[in-house]
């Protein structure tokens, strides 16, 4: 979970922010609650069985050792038991052919053009707002959730005074805090999509702005600039995708038309509030633009064609049925799709210390390859936030009391965790919002070179370290990580919860 904690500079220095904390519950020894229960059961059962039959105790000891080892030994930041289970599930899925996708361009079948994986249940809608302008909305037919995407233009913090950027951060915190009072909002995904610019967008914009009677020397100069600019240009786009569950609101909505109208109404207020967060909302993404984003993600070589089609208004050439890949193959540590190959990562640990507002700049800097960085925010309802932080404080107090009873010294990490739990409770009582936050990064290269992909992943992980963030590969879930960074409203945590139910 995370709150927004600011440290005001006493001497006019740099203002810093913090407040990230991993939710722990009452788990002991750095384990989660479920892992703690498993370890305690594995340790107690052989002892309880000893008075009845020592043979049972001897038989249980190897099982207990396996359970304790699976819960306590970590591999790349996760318990070894989870790693083994994930590897087994992926092996089973691969053996059954679930990791391969073939659109079957010559197959007459109603599901021929269905998107792969978790996107198979989505459908693209074109909706009109109150002004009559159309925008796109992704409808998850399984959950009923609707996702709309706002196209934004972010302002570089290097171009403004520190006081202005501090105001933007405060406004962003207030924007997130208000989401806890809106029951229909499920999550918000902020994505920064960057890729080398092939020159098609600049060429299209210059062509559209050039008049027929322009001086020949001016036209020649523009053509020369267009021809030389792609080598050093980068295409950077900022998107804010908001996922709603309209039926969770107080109003009873009769049909899909009322649901989309309710989402459009809620978007108006959110759009205007974003203006104070350092971004300018350029508008809501249309259905063709959303389909084009997926098409480019799956087929990087089509970026110029899609850009040109959108610039000339040839939206009939871009649809949800053709947005997915013709073929895709998910491997353990990469995802091969059409003309590209991708690797996805998730943060293993957020910054432990307080950070300045420019902390993400190294990670968001454009690279020679395509990257999508997505911050996924899940707001806690305002009514549940107080109970949640109180539970975390009580759990931290319980661990502290148990440590004192056992005569163990307090570690610096335990002290810092307890302080952050108390701090979060105080800030929530003062009106701060509570959100769960994850960060996903997808790296895409426009060929199928494993060595080039490994170099790109290493570059991104190094940039994340400069941003005080540790990333780990989403091994065994590469396709889901790839799709999470797309504007389609996917949340891996919600999907995992659904599978458990």
Protein backbone atom coordinates (compact mmCIF):
# COMPACT_ATOMS: atom_id res chain seq x y z
CA UNK A 1 0.00 0.00 0.00
CA UNK A 2 1.08 3.57 -0.28
CA UNK A 3 0.23 6.96 1.12
CA UNK A 4 1.62 10.34 0.22
CA UNK A 5 4.15 11.54 2.76
CA UNK A 6 6.02 14.77 2.19
CA UNK A 7 9.08 16.08 3.94
CA UNK A 8 9.30 19.84 3.73
CA UNK A 9 12.83 21.19 3.32
CA UNK A 10 13.90 23.22 6.32
CA UNK A 11 16.59 25.09 4.45
CA UNK A 12 14.93 25.58 1.08
CA UNK A 13 16.33 22.31 -0.30
CA UNK A 14 14.59 19.58 -2.26
CA UNK A 15 11.21 18.37 -1.01
CA UNK A 16 11.02 14.60 -0.69
CA UNK A 17 8.17 12.07 -0.69
CA UNK A 18 7.64 8.60 0.72
CA UNK A 19 5.12 6.36 2.41
CA UNK A 20 5.38 3.11 0.44
CA UNK A 21 4.86 0.02 2.57
CA UNK A 22 4.19 -3.60 1.77
CA UNK A 23 1.02 -4.85 3.47
CA UNK A 24 2.10 -7.59 5.89
CA UNK A 25 -0.81 -8.39 8.20
CA UNK A 26 0.30 -10.31 11.29
CA UNK A 27 2.76 -12.51 9.39
CA UNK A 28 5.93 -13.35 11.31
CA UNK A 29 9.60 -13.51 10.27
CA UNK A 30 8.93 -11.45 7.14
CA UNK A 31 6.34 -13.97 5.88
CA UNK A 32 2.77 -13.35 4.80
CA UNK A 33 -0.15 -14.51 6.94
CA UNK A 34 -0.70 -17.65 4.86
CA UNK A 35 3.00 -18.52 4.87
CA UNK A 36 3.15 -18.00 8.65
CA UNK A 37 0.22 -20.36 9.20
CA UNK A 38 1.85 -22.98 6.99
CA UNK A 39 5.21 -22.74 8.80
CA UNK A 40 3.64 -22.88 12.27
CA UNK A 41 1.52 -25.87 11.30
CA UNK A 42 4.57 -27.65 9.85
CA UNK A 43 6.49 -27.06 13.10
CA UNK A 44 3.69 -27.94 15.53
CA UNK A 45 2.20 -31.04 13.93
CA UNK A 46 5.26 -33.29 14.49
CA UNK A 47 5.44 -32.09 18.12
CA UNK A 48 1.73 -32.72 18.74
CA UNK A 49 1.96 -36.18 17.18
CA UNK A 50 4.92 -37.26 19.34
CA UNK A 51 2.89 -38.35 22.45
CA UNK A 52 0.71 -40.61 20.32
CA UNK A 53 3.20 -42.33 18.01
CA UNK A 54 6.80 -41.42 17.38
CA UNK A 55 6.53 -43.06 13.93
CA UNK A 56 4.06 -40.37 12.85
CA UNK A 57 6.47 -37.68 14.01
CA UNK A 58 9.31 -39.22 12.03
CA UNK A 59 7.09 -39.44 8.95
CA UNK A 60 6.02 -35.80 9.33
CA UNK A 61 9.52 -34.37 9.73
CA UNK A 62 10.48 -34.51 6.01
CA UNK A 63 7.13 -33.01 5.05
CA UNK A 64 7.58 -30.23 7.60
CA UNK A 65 11.08 -29.52 6.32
CA UNK A 66 9.76 -29.20 2.76
CA UNK A 67 6.92 -26.87 3.83
CA UNK A 68 9.21 -24.64 5.91
CA UNK A 69 11.78 -24.48 3.13
CA UNK A 70 9.15 -23.71 0.48
CA UNK A 71 7.79 -20.81 2.55
CA UNK A 72 11.04 -19.29 3.84
CA UNK A 73 13.60 -19.74 1.05
CA UNK A 74 13.37 -16.92 -1.48
CA UNK A 75 14.15 -17.04 -5.19
CA UNK A 76 14.30 -13.62 -6.87
CA UNK A 77 12.20 -12.17 -4.06
CA UNK A 78 9.41 -14.79 -4.00
CA UNK A 79 9.09 -18.00 -1.92
CA UNK A 80 10.61 -21.02 -3.60
CA UNK A 81 7.30 -22.86 -3.22
CA UNK A 82 5.54 -20.21 -5.30
CA UNK A 83 8.33 -20.36 -7.88
CA UNK A 84 8.03 -24.14 -8.19
CA UNK A 85 4.23 -23.98 -8.43
CA UNK A 86 4.43 -21.27 -11.11
CA UNK A 87 6.95 -23.27 -13.11
CA UNK A 88 4.72 -26.36 -12.90
CA UNK A 89 1.61 -24.46 -14.02
CA UNK A 90 3.50 -22.95 -16.92
CA UNK A 91 4.82 -26.37 -17.94
CA UNK A 92 1.29 -27.78 -17.89
CA UNK A 93 -0.07 -24.85 -19.92
CA UNK A 94 2.75 -25.14 -22.45
CA UNK A 95 2.26 -28.89 -22.80
CA UNK A 96 -1.44 -28.37 -23.55
CA UNK A 97 -0.73 -25.63 -26.08
CA UNK A 98 -2.23 -22.77 -24.03
CA UNK A 99 0.86 -20.59 -24.49
CA UNK A 100 0.60 -20.48 -28.28
CA UNK A 101 -1.84 -18.36 -30.28
CA UNK A 102 -2.69 -18.56 -33.97
CA UNK A 103 -5.30 -16.19 -35.37
CA UNK A 104 -5.94 -18.56 -38.27
CA UNK A 105 -6.27 -15.98 -41.02
CA UNK A 106 -7.57 -18.67 -43.40
CA UNK A 107 -9.89 -20.34 -40.89
CA UNK A 108 -13.64 -19.78 -41.03
CA UNK A 109 -14.45 -19.73 -37.33
CA UNK A 110 -16.43 -17.26 -35.16
CA UNK A 111 -13.48 -16.89 -32.74
CA UNK A 112 -10.85 -16.44 -35.46
CA UNK A 113 -10.07 -12.81 -34.55
CA UNK A 114 -10.54 -13.03 -30.80
CA UNK A 115 -7.69 -11.45 -28.85
CA UNK A 116 -5.39 -13.82 -26.94
CA UNK A 117 -5.25 -14.52 -23.22
CA UNK A 118 -7.09 -12.32 -20.75
CA UNK A 119 -8.16 -9.97 -23.57
CA UNK A 120 -10.38 -12.64 -25.12
CA UNK A 121 -13.41 -11.46 -23.15
CA UNK A 122 -13.02 -7.78 -24.07
CA UNK A 123 -15.01 -5.84 -26.63
CA UNK A 124 -14.43 -2.33 -27.98
CA UNK A 125 -17.31 0.14 -27.79
CA UNK A 126 -17.63 3.53 -29.46
CA UNK A 127 -19.51 5.96 -27.22
CA UNK A 128 -20.65 9.58 -27.61
CA UNK A 129 -20.19 12.09 -24.81
CA UNK A 130 -22.57 14.97 -24.11
CA UNK A 131 -20.87 17.12 -26.75
CA UNK A 132 -21.39 14.50 -29.45
CA UNK A 133 -17.72 13.53 -29.71
CA UNK A 134 -16.99 9.82 -29.93
CA UNK A 135 -14.51 7.99 -27.73
CA UNK A 136 -13.57 4.39 -27.19
CA UNK A 137 -14.37 2.20 -24.21
CA UNK A 138 -13.15 -1.34 -23.56
CA UNK A 139 -15.87 -3.58 -22.15
CA UNK A 140 -14.84 -6.69 -20.25
CA UNK A 141 -17.78 -8.96 -20.90
CA UNK A 142 -16.86 -11.30 -18.05
CA UNK A 143 -16.67 -8.74 -15.25
CA UNK A 144 -18.82 -5.96 -16.71
CA UNK A 145 -16.01 -3.42 -16.22
CA UNK A 146 -15.63 -0.49 -18.60
CA UNK A 147 -12.27 1.18 -19.28
CA UNK A 148 -11.84 4.61 -20.83
CA UNK A 149 -8.45 6.11 -21.69
CA UNK A 150 -7.46 9.77 -21.48
CA UNK A 151 -4.69 10.96 -23.80
CA UNK A 152 -2.46 13.35 -21.90
CA UNK A 153 0.50 15.62 -22.54
CA UNK A 154 2.83 15.66 -19.56
CA UNK A 155 4.98 18.67 -18.79
CA UNK A 156 8.63 18.04 -17.95
CA UNK A 157 9.49 18.88 -14.35
CA UNK A 158 12.81 20.24 -15.55
CA UNK A 159 10.99 23.15 -17.14
CA UNK A 160 9.17 24.39 -14.03
CA UNK A 161 10.06 25.69 -10.58
CA UNK A 162 10.24 23.14 -7.72
CA UNK A 163 7.29 24.84 -6.02
CA UNK A 164 5.13 24.18 -9.09
CA UNK A 165 6.12 20.54 -9.32
CA UNK A 166 5.40 20.12 -5.60
CA UNK A 167 1.93 21.47 -6.24
CA UNK A 168 1.43 18.95 -9.04
CA UNK A 169 2.37 16.07 -6.74
CA UNK A 170 -0.03 17.33 -4.07
CA UNK A 171 -2.80 17.66 -6.64
CA UNK A 172 -2.12 14.12 -7.90
CA UNK A 173 -2.37 12.81 -4.34
CA UNK A 174 -5.68 14.62 -3.89
CA UNK A 175 -6.91 13.19 -7.21
CA UNK A 176 -6.10 9.65 -6.07
CA UNK A 177 -7.59 10.25 -2.63
CA UNK A 178 -10.93 11.24 -4.15
CA UNK A 179 -11.11 7.87 -5.91
CA UNK A 180 -11.68 6.24 -2.53
CA UNK A 181 -15.03 8.04 -2.37
CA UNK A 182 -16.13 6.81 -5.81
CA UNK A 183 -17.31 3.18 -5.47
CA UNK A 184 -17.43 2.56 -9.22
CA UNK A 185 -13.68 3.09 -9.80
CA UNK A 186 -11.78 -0.21 -9.76
CA UNK A 187 -8.29 0.93 -10.72
CA UNK A 188 -6.32 3.58 -12.60
CA UNK A 189 -3.40 2.78 -14.90
CA UNK A 190 -0.95 5.55 -15.82
CA UNK A 191 1.16 4.47 -18.79
CA UNK A 192 4.14 6.20 -20.37
CA UNK A 193 4.66 4.67 -23.81
CA UNK A 194 7.90 5.53 -25.59
CA UNK A 195 9.42 4.22 -28.81
CA UNK A 196 11.82 5.36 -31.52
CA UNK A 197 9.92 7.59 -33.92
CA UNK A 198 9.92 6.21 -37.48
CA UNK A 199 9.17 9.65 -38.87
CA UNK A 200 5.67 8.92 -40.08
CA UNK A 201 3.95 11.03 -37.44
CA UNK A 202 6.16 14.05 -38.06
CA UNK A 203 5.79 13.65 -41.82
CA UNK A 204 2.01 13.41 -41.51
CA UNK A 205 1.79 16.49 -39.28
CA UNK A 206 4.03 18.54 -41.57
CA UNK A 207 2.10 17.44 -44.65
CA UNK A 208 -1.21 18.38 -43.04
CA UNK A 209 0.11 21.83 -42.06
CA UNK A 210 1.69 22.63 -45.45
CA UNK A 211 -0.45 24.70 -47.81
CA UNK A 212 -0.37 24.28 -51.57
CA UNK A 213 1.00 27.77 -52.29
CA UNK A 214 3.84 27.58 -49.75
CA UNK A 215 7.23 28.90 -50.94
CA UNK A 216 9.36 26.21 -52.53
CA UNK A 217 12.41 26.93 -50.36
CA UNK A 218 10.31 26.64 -47.17
CA UNK A 219 8.83 23.33 -48.34
CA UNK A 220 12.31 22.05 -49.20
CA UNK A 221 13.58 23.03 -45.74
CA UNK A 222 10.70 21.22 -44.04
CA UNK A 223 11.26 18.12 -46.15
CA UNK A 224 14.93 18.09 -45.21
CA UNK A 225 14.12 18.42 -41.51
CA UNK A 226 11.59 15.59 -41.74
CA UNK A 227 14.11 13.37 -43.51
CA UNK A 228 16.81 13.92 -40.88
CA UNK A 229 14.72 13.96 -37.69
CA UNK A 230 13.81 10.26 -37.22
CA UNK A 231 17.38 9.29 -36.27
CA UNK A 232 17.13 11.32 -33.05
CA UNK A 233 13.38 11.46 -32.44
CA UNK A 234 11.32 9.59 -29.87
CA UNK A 235 7.57 9.04 -29.78
CA UNK A 236 6.39 9.50 -26.18
CA UNK A 237 2.76 9.25 -25.11
CA UNK A 238 1.14 9.49 -21.68
CA UNK A 239 -2.16 7.74 -21.04
CA UNK A 240 -4.46 7.50 -18.02
CA UNK A 241 -6.79 4.50 -18.26
CA UNK A 242 -9.61 4.42 -15.70
CA UNK A 243 -11.54 1.21 -15.13
CA UNK A 244 -15.10 1.45 -13.78
CA UNK A 245 -17.62 -1.04 -12.46
CA UNK A 246 -20.84 0.92 -13.10
CA UNK A 247 -23.06 -1.58 -11.27
CA UNK A 248 -21.14 -0.93 -8.02
CA UNK A 249 -22.60 2.58 -7.76
CA UNK A 250 -25.68 3.62 -5.79
CA UNK A 251 -27.79 4.00 -8.93
CA UNK A 252 -29.53 1.04 -10.53
CA UNK A 253 -28.55 1.02 -14.19
CA UNK A 254 -30.92 -0.75 -16.54
CA UNK A 255 -28.79 -1.42 -19.61
CA UNK A 256 -25.40 -0.91 -21.24
CA UNK A 257 -26.37 2.50 -22.61
CA UNK A 258 -26.97 3.80 -19.08
CA UNK A 259 -23.70 2.28 -17.89
CA UNK A 260 -21.64 3.97 -20.59
CA UNK A 261 -23.46 7.26 -19.96
CA UNK A 262 -22.65 7.03 -16.26
CA UNK A 263 -18.96 6.41 -17.02
CA UNK A 264 -18.91 9.36 -19.41
CA UNK A 265 -20.42 11.57 -16.71
CA UNK A 266 -17.80 10.52 -14.16
CA UNK A 267 -15.00 11.10 -16.64
CA UNK A 268 -15.85 14.77 -17.04
CA UNK A 269 -14.96 15.59 -13.45
CA UNK A 270 -11.82 13.49 -13.51
CA UNK A 271 -10.59 15.13 -16.71
CA UNK A 272 -10.89 18.62 -15.30
CA UNK A 273 -9.18 17.65 -12.03
CA UNK A 274 -6.19 16.19 -13.87
CA UNK A 275 -5.36 19.65 -15.21
CA UNK A 276 -3.81 20.58 -11.87
CA UNK A 277 -1.55 17.50 -11.80
CA UNK A 278 0.97 18.67 -14.40
CA UNK A 279 -0.72 17.13 -17.42
CA UNK A 280 -2.92 18.52 -20.14
CA UNK A 281 -5.74 16.21 -21.17
CA UNK A 282 -5.80 16.16 -24.98
CA UNK A 283 -9.04 14.19 -25.05
CA UNK A 284 -10.43 10.73 -24.69
CA UNK A 285 -8.92 8.07 -26.92
CA UNK A 286 -11.21 7.02 -29.74
CA UNK A 287 -12.02 3.42 -30.55
CA UNK A 288 -9.66 3.50 -33.53
CA UNK A 289 -6.84 4.93 -31.43
CA UNK A 290 -7.24 2.20 -28.80
CA UNK A 291 -7.23 -0.50 -31.46
CA UNK A 292 -4.20 1.13 -33.07
CA UNK A 293 -2.29 1.07 -29.79
CA UNK A 294 -2.82 -2.68 -29.50
CA UNK A 295 -1.93 -3.22 -33.15
CA UNK A 296 1.38 -1.37 -32.75
CA UNK A 297 2.17 -3.17 -29.49
CA UNK A 298 1.74 -6.59 -31.11
CA UNK A 299 3.31 -5.62 -34.43
CA UNK A 300 5.96 -2.90 -33.96
CA UNK A 301 6.64 -2.75 -37.71
CA UNK A 302 3.09 -1.44 -38.25
CA UNK A 303 3.68 1.76 -36.21
CA UNK A 304 4.15 3.92 -39.28
CA UNK A 305 1.12 2.47 -41.07
CA UNK A 306 -1.16 2.86 -38.05
CA UNK A 307 0.04 6.41 -37.42
CA UNK A 308 -0.57 7.34 -41.04
CA UNK A 309 -4.03 5.74 -41.03
CA UNK A 310 -5.07 7.66 -37.91
CA UNK A 311 -3.64 10.93 -39.24
CA UNK A 312 -5.62 10.60 -42.50
CA UNK A 313 -8.81 9.43 -40.78
CA UNK A 314 -8.77 5.93 -42.26
CA UNK A 315 -10.26 4.50 -39.08
CA UNK A 316 -12.12 1.75 -40.93
CA UNK A 317 -8.76 0.02 -41.41
CA UNK A 318 -8.22 -0.30 -37.65
CA UNK A 319 -10.57 -2.37 -35.52
CA UNK A 320 -10.61 -4.49 -32.38
CA UNK A 321 -10.93 -7.65 -34.46
CA UNK A 322 -7.61 -6.92 -36.19
CA UNK A 323 -5.80 -5.34 -33.22
CA UNK A 324 -4.34 -8.59 -31.92
CA UNK A 325 -1.45 -10.64 -33.25
CA UNK A 326 -1.60 -13.07 -36.14
CA UNK A 327 0.56 -15.39 -34.07
CA UNK A 328 2.07 -15.31 -30.60
CA UNK A 329 4.12 -17.64 -28.43
CA UNK A 330 4.61 -17.15 -24.70
CA UNK A 331 7.87 -18.51 -23.32
CA UNK A 332 8.96 -18.58 -19.68
CA UNK A 333 10.83 -15.26 -19.83
CA UNK A 334 9.65 -13.62 -23.06
CA UNK A 335 6.63 -13.12 -25.31
CA UNK A 336 7.05 -13.46 -29.09
CA UNK A 337 4.37 -11.73 -31.17
CA UNK A 338 4.23 -10.90 -34.88
CA UNK A 339 7.23 -8.68 -35.72
CA UNK A 340 8.35 -8.12 -32.13
CA UNK A 341 9.47 -9.81 -28.95
CA UNK A 342 8.80 -8.50 -25.46
CA UNK A 343 9.73 -9.07 -21.84
CA UNK A 344 7.68 -7.78 -18.91
CA UNK A 345 8.81 -6.96 -15.39
CA UNK A 346 7.09 -5.95 -12.15
CA UNK A 347 8.50 -4.09 -9.23
CA UNK A 348 9.87 -6.29 -6.49
CA UNK A 349 10.32 -3.45 -4.06
CA UNK A 350 9.42 0.25 -4.17
CA UNK A 351 11.82 2.89 -2.84
CA UNK A 352 12.55 2.32 0.83
CA UNK A 353 13.64 5.88 1.44
CA UNK A 354 12.06 9.23 0.72
CA UNK A 355 12.57 10.38 -2.86
CA UNK A 356 12.32 13.62 -4.87
CA UNK A 357 9.53 14.23 -7.35
CA UNK A 358 11.87 13.47 -10.29
CA UNK A 359 12.67 9.95 -9.05
CA UNK A 360 11.12 8.16 -12.05
CA UNK A 361 12.94 10.17 -14.70
CA UNK A 362 15.69 7.55 -15.33
CA UNK A 363 13.09 4.83 -15.83
CA UNK A 364 10.88 6.95 -18.09
CA UNK A 365 13.69 8.24 -20.31
CA UNK A 366 13.13 7.03 -23.93
CA UNK A 367 15.37 4.17 -25.00
CA UNK A 368 16.41 2.87 -28.45
CA UNK A 369 13.63 0.30 -28.07
CA UNK A 370 9.95 0.51 -27.20
CA UNK A 371 9.00 0.57 -23.51
CA UNK A 372 5.70 0.85 -21.68
CA UNK A 373 5.82 1.77 -17.99
CA UNK A 374 2.51 1.40 -16.16
CA UNK A 375 1.72 2.48 -12.61
CA UNK A 376 -1.42 0.64 -11.53
CA UNK A 377 -3.36 2.24 -8.66
CA UNK A 378 -6.15 0.41 -6.83
CA UNK A 379 -7.89 2.85 -4.45
CA UNK A 380 -9.17 1.50 -1.17
CA UNK A 381 -12.73 2.62 -0.35
CA UNK A 382 -12.65 5.43 2.17
CA UNK A 383 -14.77 3.38 4.58
CA UNK A 384 -12.35 0.42 4.46
CA UNK A 385 -9.11 2.42 4.57
CA UNK A 386 -9.36 3.19 8.30
CA UNK A 387 -9.92 -0.45 9.22
CA UNK A 388 -7.08 -1.51 6.94
CA UNK A 389 -4.46 0.80 8.46
CA UNK A 390 -5.63 -0.07 11.97
CA UNK A 391 -5.18 -3.77 11.22
CA UNK A 392 -1.66 -3.09 9.95
CA UNK A 393 -0.77 -1.12 13.08
CA UNK A 394 -2.18 -3.84 15.34
CA UNK A 395 -0.25 -6.50 13.41
CA UNK A 396 2.99 -4.51 13.71
CA UNK A 397 2.36 -4.06 17.45
CA UNK A 398 1.72 -7.80 17.81
CA UNK A 399 5.01 -8.65 16.11
CA UNK A 400 6.82 -6.15 18.33
CA UNK A 401 5.29 -7.63 21.49
CA UNK A 402 6.16 -11.17 20.37
CA UNK A 403 9.75 -10.11 19.69
CA UNK A 404 10.09 -8.59 23.19
CA UNK A 405 8.59 -11.71 24.79
CA UNK A 406 11.14 -13.87 22.97
CA UNK A 407 13.97 -11.56 24.04
CA UNK A 408 15.05 -10.75 20.49
CA UNK A 409 16.55 -7.42 19.51
CA UNK A 410 14.59 -5.18 17.19
CA UNK A 411 16.06 -4.86 13.71
CA UNK A 412 16.23 -1.58 11.85
CA UNK A 413 13.86 -2.96 9.20
CA UNK A 414 11.26 -3.94 11.85
CA UNK A 415 11.49 -0.50 13.42
CA UNK A 416 11.09 1.24 10.07
CA UNK A 417 8.12 -0.98 9.15
CA UNK A 418 6.38 -0.22 12.46
CA UNK A 419 6.98 3.50 12.06
CA UNK A 420 5.57 3.51 8.54
CA UNK A 421 2.46 1.61 9.66
CA UNK A 422 1.80 4.14 12.43
CA UNK A 423 2.55 7.01 10.06
CA UNK A 424 0.07 5.67 7.48
CA UNK A 425 -2.64 5.42 10.14
CA UNK A 426 -2.04 9.00 11.25
CA UNK A 427 -2.14 10.30 7.69
CA UNK A 428 -5.33 8.38 6.91
CA UNK A 429 -6.94 9.86 10.02
CA UNK A 430 -5.93 13.30 8.71
CA UNK A 431 -7.68 12.65 5.38
CA UNK A 432 -5.00 11.03 3.21
CA UNK A 433 -6.05 8.47 0.61
CA UNK A 434 -4.97 4.85 0.59
CA UNK A 435 -4.13 3.03 -2.62
CA UNK A 436 -2.46 -0.22 -3.55
CA UNK A 437 0.17 0.40 -6.17
CA UNK A 438 2.07 -1.80 -8.62
CA UNK A 439 4.48 -0.95 -11.40
CA UNK A 440 4.77 -2.96 -14.63
CA UNK A 441 7.33 -2.47 -17.39
CA UNK A 442 7.19 -4.03 -20.86
CA UNK A 443 10.22 -3.90 -23.15
CA UNK A 444 9.69 -4.61 -26.88
CA UNK A 445 12.25 -5.02 -29.64
CA UNK A 446 11.28 -5.18 -33.31
CA UNK A 447 13.01 -8.48 -34.09
CA UNK A 448 13.38 -11.95 -32.55
CA UNK A 449 16.90 -11.64 -31.18
CA UNK A 450 17.18 -13.12 -27.66
CA UNK A 451 20.50 -11.37 -27.03
CA UNK A 452 19.09 -7.96 -27.98
CA UNK A 453 16.08 -8.53 -25.71
CA UNK A 454 18.34 -9.48 -22.80
CA UNK A 455 20.35 -6.28 -23.29
CA UNK A 456 17.16 -4.19 -23.38
CA UNK A 457 15.91 -5.81 -20.14
CA UNK A 458 19.28 -5.16 -18.47
CA UNK A 459 19.11 -1.51 -19.55
CA UNK A 460 15.65 -1.07 -18.07
CA UNK A 461 16.56 -2.80 -14.80
CA UNK A 462 19.60 -0.52 -14.48
CA UNK A 463 17.39 2.53 -15.08
CA UNK A 464 14.96 1.27 -12.44
CA UNK A 465 17.80 0.94 -9.92
CA UNK A 466 18.64 4.59 -10.62
CA UNK A 467 14.98 5.33 -9.79
CA UNK A 468 15.33 3.48 -6.44
CA UNK A 469 13.13 0.63 -7.72
CA UNK A 470 13.94 -3.06 -7.96
CA UNK A 471 12.31 -4.95 -10.82
CA UNK A 472 11.97 -8.69 -11.30
CA UNK A 473 10.91 -10.54 -14.47
CA UNK A 474 7.33 -11.78 -14.70
CA UNK A 475 8.50 -15.27 -15.54
CA UNK A 476 5.62 -17.55 -16.41
CA UNK A 477 3.21 -14.62 -16.85
CA UNK A 478 4.79 -12.74 -19.73
CA UNK A 479 1.61 -12.47 -21.78
CA UNK A 480 -0.40 -11.08 -18.87
CA UNK A 481 2.34 -8.58 -18.04
CA UNK A 482 2.42 -7.48 -21.69
CA UNK A 483 -1.36 -6.99 -21.75
CA UNK A 484 -1.44 -5.16 -18.39
CA UNK A 485 0.51 -2.26 -19.92
CA UNK A 486 -2.08 -1.92 -22.72
CA UNK A 487 -5.14 0.37 -22.35
CA UNK A 488 -7.53 -2.56 -21.88
CA UNK A 489 -8.30 -2.41 -18.15
CA UNK A 490 -6.51 -5.58 -16.98
CA UNK A 491 -5.45 -5.98 -13.36
CA UNK A 492 -3.36 -9.09 -12.57
CA UNK A 493 -4.30 -8.97 -8.88
CA UNK A 494 -8.02 -9.07 -9.74
CA UNK A 495 -7.47 -11.95 -12.15
CA UNK A 496 -5.58 -13.90 -9.48
CA UNK A 497 -8.38 -13.28 -7.01
CA UNK A 498 -10.97 -14.48 -9.51
CA UNK A 499 -9.04 -17.69 -10.11
CA UNK A 500 -9.00 -18.38 -6.36
CA UNK A 501 -12.77 -17.99 -6.15
